[in-house]
């Protein structure tokens, strides 16, 4: 989708600094808000996850405060990963909602309600749902199955986007995620290939 960056939030509350060649500088986290005119859609993203609870609450509050100055929010979505180590096939998506009525929205789109094996949803993707509910904003959390947390999971992202597109009845191009997945597979295969190293005497 064609989008325009309309706002940024910069956080520099990290209790550490970085350095290059012995020269230090403060560490900033950047969060951006994009607007898609075609769908009247706002997309919030960032380059990290706040690790301090106070900073996380402030980020969620700042985000909600800002978008509520723009206009009435019809519905808020958050998305995240649902770790399942023995994942087979295309990642499934399950969801949570902020009121009973929204459950039917998920079920009508073939999305399962998150089971009782999970009773807490942590960090931004969970907290933002609760804080939205406190402000009487309808919200849905979509969580795609992932097999690990150390590498990108483009197929889970693709499943989440498909679920979102079905609920909102819109077309989304996910070819970029397919290419990312193919690239990850190529990298994994290269790591498995034996090297041409041969022992010798010099």
C-alpha atoms as a PDB file:
ATOM      1  CA  UNK A   1       0.000   0.000   0.000  1.00  0.00           C
ATOM      2  CA  UNK A   2       1.105   3.540  -0.646  1.00  0.00           C
ATOM      3  CA  UNK A   3       1.592   5.286   2.673  1.00  0.00           C
ATOM      4  CA  UNK A   4       2.944   8.548   4.061  1.00  0.00           C
ATOM      5  CA  UNK A   5       4.799   8.999   7.346  1.00  0.00           C
ATOM      6  CA  UNK A   6       2.704  11.500   9.332  1.00  0.00           C
ATOM      7  CA  UNK A   7       4.261  11.320  12.820  1.00  0.00           C
ATOM      8  CA  UNK A   8       7.263  10.021  14.730  1.00  0.00           C
ATOM      9  CA  UNK A   9       7.908   9.219  18.386  1.00  0.00           C
ATOM     10  CA  UNK A  10      11.513   9.223  19.561  1.00  0.00           C
ATOM     11  CA  UNK A  11      12.421   7.517  22.835  1.00  0.00           C
ATOM     12  CA  UNK A  12      15.861   7.972  24.386  1.00  0.00           C
ATOM     13  CA  UNK A  13      15.245   6.567  27.861  1.00  0.00           C
ATOM     14  CA  UNK A  14      17.669   3.660  27.502  1.00  0.00           C
ATOM     15  CA  UNK A  15      20.070   3.222  30.476  1.00  0.00           C
ATOM     16  CA  UNK A  16      23.040   2.672  28.161  1.00  0.00           C
ATOM     17  CA  UNK A  17      24.916   4.271  25.273  1.00  0.00           C
ATOM     18  CA  UNK A  18      26.515   2.904  22.124  1.00  0.00           C
ATOM     19  CA  UNK A  19      30.011   3.649  20.902  1.00  0.00           C
ATOM     20  CA  UNK A  20      31.903   3.601  17.621  1.00  0.00           C
ATOM     21  CA  UNK A  21      35.704   3.694  17.765  1.00  0.00           C
ATOM     22  CA  UNK A  22      35.510   4.775  21.391  1.00  0.00           C
ATOM     23  CA  UNK A  23      33.056   7.657  20.816  1.00  0.00           C
ATOM     24  CA  UNK A  24      29.742   7.260  22.632  1.00  0.00           C
ATOM     25  CA  UNK A  25      26.270   8.455  21.739  1.00  0.00           C
ATOM     26  CA  UNK A  26      22.836   8.038  23.271  1.00  0.00           C
ATOM     27  CA  UNK A  27      20.556   5.290  21.976  1.00  0.00           C
ATOM     28  CA  UNK A  28      17.262   6.402  20.437  1.00  0.00           C
ATOM     29  CA  UNK A  29      14.318   4.210  19.494  1.00  0.00           C
ATOM     30  CA  UNK A  30      12.224   5.498  16.606  1.00  0.00           C
ATOM     31  CA  UNK A  31       8.514   4.742  16.136  1.00  0.00           C
ATOM     32  CA  UNK A  32       6.636   5.897  13.051  1.00  0.00           C
ATOM     33  CA  UNK A  33       2.992   6.398  12.138  1.00  0.00           C
ATOM     34  CA  UNK A  34       2.028   5.963   8.472  1.00  0.00           C
ATOM     35  CA  UNK A  35      -1.233   6.943   6.794  1.00  0.00           C
ATOM     36  CA  UNK A  36      -2.805   5.062   3.887  1.00  0.00           C
ATOM     37  CA  UNK A  37      -5.254   7.416   2.164  1.00  0.00           C
ATOM     38  CA  UNK A  38      -6.931   4.710   0.070  1.00  0.00           C
ATOM     39  CA  UNK A  39      -8.162   2.803   3.126  1.00  0.00           C
ATOM     40  CA  UNK A  40      -8.182   5.605   5.739  1.00  0.00           C
ATOM     41  CA  UNK A  41      -5.728   3.433   7.658  1.00  0.00           C
ATOM     42  CA  UNK A  42      -2.994   4.311  10.174  1.00  0.00           C
ATOM     43  CA  UNK A  43      -0.038   1.937  10.614  1.00  0.00           C
ATOM     44  CA  UNK A  44       2.217   2.179  13.666  1.00  0.00           C
ATOM     45  CA  UNK A  45       5.633   0.533  13.626  1.00  0.00           C
ATOM     46  CA  UNK A  46       9.030   0.774  15.290  1.00  0.00           C
ATOM     47  CA  UNK A  47      12.583  -0.511  15.278  1.00  0.00           C
ATOM     48  CA  UNK A  48      12.489  -2.078  18.748  1.00  0.00           C
ATOM     49  CA  UNK A  49      10.309  -3.119  21.674  1.00  0.00           C
ATOM     50  CA  UNK A  50      10.453  -1.015  24.868  1.00  0.00           C
ATOM     51  CA  UNK A  51      11.901  -3.153  27.654  1.00  0.00           C
ATOM     52  CA  UNK A  52      11.050  -0.822  30.531  1.00  0.00           C
ATOM     53  CA  UNK A  53       7.377  -1.054  31.653  1.00  0.00           C
ATOM     54  CA  UNK A  54       7.146   2.696  32.302  1.00  0.00           C
ATOM     55  CA  UNK A  55       8.493   3.492  28.844  1.00  0.00           C
ATOM     56  CA  UNK A  56       6.094   0.963  27.296  1.00  0.00           C
ATOM     57  CA  UNK A  57       3.073   2.509  29.022  1.00  0.00           C
ATOM     58  CA  UNK A  58       4.185   5.973  27.911  1.00  0.00           C
ATOM     59  CA  UNK A  59       4.612   4.827  24.311  1.00  0.00           C
ATOM     60  CA  UNK A  60       1.137   3.256  24.219  1.00  0.00           C
ATOM     61  CA  UNK A  61      -0.407   6.326  25.861  1.00  0.00           C
ATOM     62  CA  UNK A  62       1.351   8.740  23.488  1.00  0.00           C
ATOM     63  CA  UNK A  63       0.204   6.699  20.493  1.00  0.00           C
ATOM     64  CA  UNK A  64      -3.431   6.555  21.623  1.00  0.00           C
ATOM     65  CA  UNK A  65      -3.448  10.235  22.646  1.00  0.00           C
ATOM     66  CA  UNK A  66      -2.164  11.241  19.219  1.00  0.00           C
ATOM     67  CA  UNK A  67      -4.511   9.166  17.083  1.00  0.00           C
ATOM     68  CA  UNK A  68      -7.502  10.275  19.145  1.00  0.00           C
ATOM     69  CA  UNK A  69      -6.693  13.884  18.232  1.00  0.00           C
ATOM     70  CA  UNK A  70      -6.968  12.913  14.549  1.00  0.00           C
ATOM     71  CA  UNK A  71     -10.521  11.590  14.747  1.00  0.00           C
ATOM     72  CA  UNK A  72     -12.748   8.734  15.890  1.00  0.00           C
ATOM     73  CA  UNK A  73     -11.047   5.343  15.760  1.00  0.00           C
ATOM     74  CA  UNK A  74     -13.305   2.686  14.243  1.00  0.00           C
ATOM     75  CA  UNK A  75     -11.112  -0.227  15.258  1.00  0.00           C
ATOM     76  CA  UNK A  76      -7.561  -0.868  16.424  1.00  0.00           C
ATOM     77  CA  UNK A  77      -5.557  -3.977  15.497  1.00  0.00           C
ATOM     78  CA  UNK A  78      -2.366  -5.314  16.987  1.00  0.00           C
ATOM     79  CA  UNK A  79      -0.338  -8.238  15.667  1.00  0.00           C
ATOM     80  CA  UNK A  80       2.274 -10.542  17.107  1.00  0.00           C
ATOM     81  CA  UNK A  81       3.735 -14.012  17.225  1.00  0.00           C
ATOM     82  CA  UNK A  82       2.394 -17.111  18.958  1.00  0.00           C
ATOM     83  CA  UNK A  83       5.298 -19.474  19.687  1.00  0.00           C
ATOM     84  CA  UNK A  84       4.659 -23.118  18.818  1.00  0.00           C
ATOM     85  CA  UNK A  85       7.823 -25.180  18.541  1.00  0.00           C
ATOM     86  CA  UNK A  86       6.349 -28.035  16.502  1.00  0.00           C
ATOM     87  CA  UNK A  87       4.812 -25.911  13.783  1.00  0.00           C
ATOM     88  CA  UNK A  88       3.861 -27.652  10.527  1.00  0.00           C
ATOM     89  CA  UNK A  89       2.210 -26.216   7.434  1.00  0.00           C
ATOM     90  CA  UNK A  90       1.162 -22.610   6.934  1.00  0.00           C
ATOM     91  CA  UNK A  91       1.055 -20.669  10.221  1.00  0.00           C
ATOM     92  CA  UNK A  92      -2.431 -20.343  11.652  1.00  0.00           C
ATOM     93  CA  UNK A  93      -3.759 -17.123  13.176  1.00  0.00           C
ATOM     94  CA  UNK A  94      -5.747 -16.851  16.390  1.00  0.00           C
ATOM     95  CA  UNK A  95      -7.158 -13.741  17.967  1.00  0.00           C
ATOM     96  CA  UNK A  96      -8.409 -11.903  21.020  1.00  0.00           C
ATOM     97  CA  UNK A  97     -10.914  -9.064  21.251  1.00  0.00           C
ATOM     98  CA  UNK A  98     -11.856  -6.304  23.635  1.00  0.00           C
ATOM     99  CA  UNK A  99     -15.564  -7.154  23.860  1.00  0.00           C
ATOM    100  CA  UNK A 100     -17.795 -10.191  23.405  1.00  0.00           C
ATOM    101  CA  UNK A 101     -19.428  -8.821  20.255  1.00  0.00           C
ATOM    102  CA  UNK A 102     -16.136  -8.789  18.370  1.00  0.00           C
ATOM    103  CA  UNK A 103     -15.686 -12.548  18.782  1.00  0.00           C
ATOM    104  CA  UNK A 104     -18.156 -13.092  15.975  1.00  0.00           C
ATOM    105  CA  UNK A 105     -16.049 -10.887  13.688  1.00  0.00           C
ATOM    106  CA  UNK A 106     -13.162 -13.332  14.137  1.00  0.00           C
ATOM    107  CA  UNK A 107     -15.304 -16.435  13.773  1.00  0.00           C
ATOM    108  CA  UNK A 108     -16.951 -15.098  10.609  1.00  0.00           C
ATOM    109  CA  UNK A 109     -13.474 -14.775   9.088  1.00  0.00           C
ATOM    110  CA  UNK A 110     -12.390 -18.277  10.118  1.00  0.00           C
ATOM    111  CA  UNK A 111     -10.055 -17.068  12.863  1.00  0.00           C
ATOM    112  CA  UNK A 112      -9.921 -19.108  16.067  1.00  0.00           C
ATOM    113  CA  UNK A 113     -10.196 -17.450  19.462  1.00  0.00           C
ATOM    114  CA  UNK A 114      -6.954 -17.733  21.450  1.00  0.00           C
ATOM    115  CA  UNK A 115      -7.208 -20.726  23.789  1.00  0.00           C
ATOM    116  CA  UNK A 116      -6.865 -20.849  27.550  1.00  0.00           C
ATOM    117  CA  UNK A 117      -3.331 -22.242  27.306  1.00  0.00           C
ATOM    118  CA  UNK A 118      -2.290 -18.564  27.065  1.00  0.00           C
ATOM    119  CA  UNK A 119      -3.687 -16.197  29.704  1.00  0.00           C
ATOM    120  CA  UNK A 120      -1.384 -13.176  29.358  1.00  0.00           C
ATOM    121  CA  UNK A 121      -0.272 -11.200  26.297  1.00  0.00           C
ATOM    122  CA  UNK A 122       2.855  -9.212  27.013  1.00  0.00           C
ATOM    123  CA  UNK A 123       4.479  -5.995  25.824  1.00  0.00           C
ATOM    124  CA  UNK A 124       3.156  -3.580  23.218  1.00  0.00           C
ATOM    125  CA  UNK A 125       0.962  -5.956  21.209  1.00  0.00           C
ATOM    126  CA  UNK A 126      -0.908  -6.955  24.341  1.00  0.00           C
ATOM    127  CA  UNK A 127      -0.861  -3.781  26.428  1.00  0.00           C
ATOM    128  CA  UNK A 128      -2.169  -1.586  23.606  1.00  0.00           C
ATOM    129  CA  UNK A 129      -5.312  -3.764  23.434  1.00  0.00           C
ATOM    130  CA  UNK A 130      -6.043  -3.320  27.133  1.00  0.00           C
ATOM    131  CA  UNK A 131      -5.424   0.424  27.094  1.00  0.00           C
ATOM    132  CA  UNK A 132      -7.615   0.772  23.992  1.00  0.00           C
ATOM    133  CA  UNK A 133     -10.408  -1.099  25.774  1.00  0.00           C
ATOM    134  CA  UNK A 134     -10.064   1.283  28.737  1.00  0.00           C
ATOM    135  CA  UNK A 135     -10.826   4.112  26.284  1.00  0.00           C
ATOM    136  CA  UNK A 136     -13.796   2.238  24.770  1.00  0.00           C
ATOM    137  CA  UNK A 137     -11.922   1.679  21.504  1.00  0.00           C
ATOM    138  CA  UNK A 138     -12.772  -1.578  19.733  1.00  0.00           C
ATOM    139  CA  UNK A 139      -9.607  -3.630  19.295  1.00  0.00           C
ATOM    140  CA  UNK A 140      -8.561  -6.999  17.907  1.00  0.00           C
ATOM    141  CA  UNK A 141      -5.259  -8.796  18.452  1.00  0.00           C
ATOM    142  CA  UNK A 142      -4.098 -11.193  15.725  1.00  0.00           C
ATOM    143  CA  UNK A 143      -1.312 -13.646  16.539  1.00  0.00           C
ATOM    144  CA  UNK A 144       0.407 -15.833  13.965  1.00  0.00           C
ATOM    145  CA  UNK A 145       2.086 -19.119  14.815  1.00  0.00           C
ATOM    146  CA  UNK A 146       5.886 -18.902  14.849  1.00  0.00           C
ATOM    147  CA  UNK A 147       8.452 -21.652  15.321  1.00  0.00           C
ATOM    148  CA  UNK A 148      11.181 -19.466  16.831  1.00  0.00           C
ATOM    149  CA  UNK A 149      11.891 -15.913  17.932  1.00  0.00           C
ATOM    150  CA  UNK A 150      15.430 -15.337  16.672  1.00  0.00           C
ATOM    151  CA  UNK A 151      14.725 -14.978  12.936  1.00  0.00           C
ATOM    152  CA  UNK A 152      12.060 -13.103  10.952  1.00  0.00           C
ATOM    153  CA  UNK A 153       8.846 -15.054  10.385  1.00  0.00           C
ATOM    154  CA  UNK A 154       7.470 -13.807   7.041  1.00  0.00           C
ATOM    155  CA  UNK A 155       4.944 -16.641   6.669  1.00  0.00           C
ATOM    156  CA  UNK A 156       3.381 -15.774  10.034  1.00  0.00           C
ATOM    157  CA  UNK A 157       3.239 -12.119   8.957  1.00  0.00           C
ATOM    158  CA  UNK A 158       1.600 -13.207   5.696  1.00  0.00           C
ATOM    159  CA  UNK A 159      -1.049 -15.218   7.580  1.00  0.00           C
ATOM    160  CA  UNK A 160      -1.797 -12.241   9.830  1.00  0.00           C
ATOM    161  CA  UNK A 161      -2.127  -9.872   6.861  1.00  0.00           C
ATOM    162  CA  UNK A 162      -4.472 -12.298   5.114  1.00  0.00           C
ATOM    163  CA  UNK A 163      -6.614 -12.521   8.249  1.00  0.00           C
ATOM    164  CA  UNK A 164      -6.710  -8.729   8.583  1.00  0.00           C
ATOM    165  CA  UNK A 165      -7.550  -8.315   4.887  1.00  0.00           C
ATOM    166  CA  UNK A 166     -10.405 -10.809   5.181  1.00  0.00           C
ATOM    167  CA  UNK A 167     -11.907  -9.042   8.191  1.00  0.00           C
ATOM    168  CA  UNK A 168     -11.625  -5.623   6.549  1.00  0.00           C
ATOM    169  CA  UNK A 169     -12.534  -6.881   3.053  1.00  0.00           C
ATOM    170  CA  UNK A 170      -9.496  -5.400   1.307  1.00  0.00           C
ATOM    171  CA  UNK A 171      -6.801  -6.639  -1.047  1.00  0.00           C
ATOM    172  CA  UNK A 172      -3.206  -6.758   0.211  1.00  0.00           C
ATOM    173  CA  UNK A 173      -0.102  -7.724  -1.762  1.00  0.00           C
ATOM    174  CA  UNK A 174       2.033 -10.206   0.215  1.00  0.00           C
ATOM    175  CA  UNK A 175       4.540 -11.108  -2.527  1.00  0.00           C
ATOM    176  CA  UNK A 176       7.298  -9.272  -0.666  1.00  0.00           C
ATOM    177  CA  UNK A 177       6.870 -11.653   2.278  1.00  0.00           C
ATOM    178  CA  UNK A 178       7.152 -14.661  -0.047  1.00  0.00           C
ATOM    179  CA  UNK A 179      10.445 -13.282  -1.368  1.00  0.00           C
ATOM    180  CA  UNK A 180      11.699 -12.689   2.172  1.00  0.00           C
ATOM    181  CA  UNK A 181      10.856 -16.284   3.087  1.00  0.00           C
ATOM    182  CA  UNK A 182      12.718 -17.609   0.035  1.00  0.00           C
ATOM    183  CA  UNK A 183      15.735 -15.490   0.966  1.00  0.00           C
ATOM    184  CA  UNK A 184      15.731 -16.893   4.512  1.00  0.00           C
ATOM    185  CA  UNK A 185      15.589 -20.458   3.147  1.00  0.00           C
ATOM    186  CA  UNK A 186      18.541 -19.719   0.855  1.00  0.00           C
ATOM    187  CA  UNK A 187      20.579 -18.386   3.780  1.00  0.00           C
ATOM    188  CA  UNK A 188      19.772 -21.474   5.870  1.00  0.00           C
ATOM    189  CA  UNK A 189      20.780 -23.761   3.013  1.00  0.00           C
ATOM    190  CA  UNK A 190      24.089 -21.932   2.563  1.00  0.00           C
ATOM    191  CA  UNK A 191      24.865 -22.395   6.261  1.00  0.00           C
ATOM    192  CA  UNK A 192      24.298 -26.150   5.909  1.00  0.00           C
ATOM    193  CA  UNK A 193      26.553 -26.529   2.866  1.00  0.00           C
ATOM    194  CA  UNK A 194      30.061 -27.838   3.617  1.00  0.00           C
ATOM    195  CA  UNK A 195      32.900 -25.387   3.142  1.00  0.00           C
ATOM    196  CA  UNK A 196      35.743 -25.940   0.705  1.00  0.00           C
ATOM    197  CA  UNK A 197      38.274 -25.888   3.549  1.00  0.00           C
ATOM    198  CA  UNK A 198      40.864 -28.629   3.370  1.00  0.00           C
ATOM    199  CA  UNK A 199      43.591 -29.209   5.963  1.00  0.00           C
ATOM    200  CA  UNK A 200      47.130 -28.800   4.677  1.00  0.00           C
ATOM    201  CA  UNK A 201      50.690 -28.113   5.576  1.00  0.00           C
ATOM    202  CA  UNK A 202      52.319 -24.839   4.565  1.00  0.00           C
END
